[in-house]
Amino acid sequence: VVAISEFGRTLTSNGAGTDHGWGGNYFMAGGDVQGGKILGQYPDKLTEDGDVHIGRGRLLPTTSWDALWNGVLEWFGVESQQINEALPNLSNFPTEDLFTQNDLFRP
């Protein structure tokens, strides 16, 4: 099971709530999932002087959407070429930033 929030929220109010942000979150559960850990990098600061803070409570994601799905698709047995077709932005990220099936699932 993979549960996803497709968008984050800003930390500051726009006067009528908060705006959509970039960061999201993913939660995985299942018998073969290597549980009990958090992958990716949590922001060092949520304040405006934080490294990934770009103003108005908006934070740049530190882990791409594609990083997680790369490992999930590998686990399902999808071939590399098909993974690249399913995740066309993979080439925009360093290979070492992508999760593999071994990062996410038990052997």
Protein backbone atom coordinates (compact mmCIF):
# COMPACT_ATOMS: atom_id res chain seq x y z
CA VAL A 1 0.00 0.00 0.00
CA VAL A 2 1.36 3.42 -0.94
CA ALA A 3 -0.53 6.46 0.33
CA ILE A 4 0.39 9.83 -1.13
CA SER A 5 -0.30 13.48 -0.56
CA GLU A 6 0.07 15.03 -3.99
CA PHE A 7 0.77 18.49 -2.65
CA GLY A 8 2.00 20.19 0.47
CA ARG A 9 0.80 23.34 2.14
CA THR A 10 2.62 26.56 2.89
CA LEU A 11 3.50 27.23 6.51
CA THR A 12 2.13 30.78 6.43
CA SER A 13 -1.43 31.97 5.96
CA ASN A 14 -2.64 33.85 2.90
CA GLY A 15 -5.40 35.46 5.00
CA ALA A 16 -7.95 32.76 4.17
CA GLY A 17 -5.97 29.62 4.92
CA THR A 18 -2.78 28.32 3.36
CA ASP A 19 -1.66 27.93 -0.23
CA HIS A 20 -0.49 24.83 -2.04
CA GLY A 21 3.20 24.13 -1.57
CA TRP A 22 5.62 21.82 -3.35
CA GLY A 23 6.50 19.27 -0.71
CA GLY A 24 4.35 16.20 -0.27
CA ASN A 25 4.63 12.99 1.67
CA TYR A 26 4.46 9.29 0.95
CA PHE A 27 3.61 6.46 3.30
CA MET A 28 4.26 2.80 2.49
CA ALA A 29 3.02 -0.27 4.34
CA GLY A 30 3.04 -3.94 3.52
CA GLY A 31 4.59 -7.29 4.30
CA ASP A 32 7.71 -6.78 2.19
CA VAL A 33 8.26 -3.09 2.99
CA GLN A 34 11.40 -2.38 5.01
CA GLY A 35 9.57 -0.40 7.66
CA GLY A 36 10.61 1.66 10.61
CA LYS A 37 12.59 4.31 8.78
CA ILE A 38 12.19 7.69 7.17
CA LEU A 39 13.77 8.19 3.75
CA GLY A 40 14.70 11.55 2.33
CA GLN A 41 15.82 14.60 4.24
CA TYR A 42 13.69 16.51 6.72
CA PRO A 43 14.32 20.28 6.55
CA ASP A 44 16.88 21.47 9.09
CA LYS A 45 14.77 24.57 9.80
CA LEU A 46 11.18 25.50 9.03
CA THR A 47 11.95 29.19 9.51
CA GLU A 48 12.68 31.64 6.70
CA ASP A 49 16.44 31.24 7.15
CA GLY A 50 16.25 27.49 6.45
CA ASP A 51 18.19 26.06 3.50
CA VAL A 52 15.10 24.92 1.58
CA HIS A 53 12.76 27.78 2.56
CA ILE A 54 11.94 29.96 -0.47
CA GLY A 55 9.57 32.43 1.20
CA ARG A 56 5.97 32.58 2.46
CA GLY A 57 6.35 29.24 4.21
CA ARG A 58 7.14 27.37 1.00
CA LEU A 59 9.77 24.62 1.19
CA LEU A 60 11.58 23.01 -1.72
CA PRO A 61 11.28 19.22 -1.67
CA THR A 62 14.50 17.35 -0.93
CA THR A 63 13.34 14.09 -2.51
CA SER A 64 11.66 13.78 -5.89
CA TRP A 65 8.37 12.03 -6.49
CA ASP A 66 10.21 9.87 -9.01
CA ALA A 67 12.76 8.68 -6.43
CA LEU A 68 10.17 6.61 -4.57
CA TRP A 69 8.36 5.31 -7.64
CA ASN A 70 11.64 4.11 -9.16
CA GLY A 71 12.00 1.53 -6.36
CA VAL A 72 8.32 0.59 -6.38
CA LEU A 73 8.37 -0.08 -10.13
CA GLU A 74 11.59 -2.11 -9.82
CA TRP A 75 9.93 -4.23 -7.12
CA PHE A 76 6.98 -4.88 -9.44
CA GLY A 77 9.46 -6.14 -12.06
CA VAL A 78 9.11 -3.27 -14.51
CA GLU A 79 12.07 -3.18 -16.93
CA SER A 80 14.44 -0.17 -16.86
CA GLN A 81 13.29 1.16 -20.25
CA GLN A 82 9.66 0.99 -19.16
CA ILE A 83 10.51 2.74 -15.87
CA ASN A 84 12.03 5.59 -17.88
CA GLU A 85 8.85 5.80 -19.95
CA ALA A 86 6.64 5.78 -16.85
CA LEU A 87 8.86 8.33 -15.05
CA PRO A 88 10.18 10.62 -17.81
CA ASN A 89 11.77 13.02 -15.29
CA LEU A 90 14.14 10.39 -13.84
CA SER A 91 17.01 11.68 -15.95
CA ASN A 92 16.72 15.05 -14.17
CA PHE A 93 17.94 13.51 -10.90
CA PRO A 94 21.27 11.92 -9.94
CA THR A 95 21.02 8.13 -9.84
CA GLU A 96 22.25 8.10 -6.23
CA ASP A 97 19.15 10.14 -5.21
CA LEU A 98 16.74 7.47 -6.52
CA PHE A 99 15.51 4.70 -4.25
CA THR A 100 15.87 1.13 -5.47
CA GLN A 101 13.73 -1.86 -4.60
CA ASN A 102 16.47 -2.85 -2.12
CA ASP A 103 16.06 0.50 -0.33
CA LEU A 104 12.31 0.02 0.06
CA PHE A 105 11.61 -3.72 0.25
CA ARG A 106 12.98 -6.81 1.96
CA PRO A 107 14.85 -9.24 -0.31
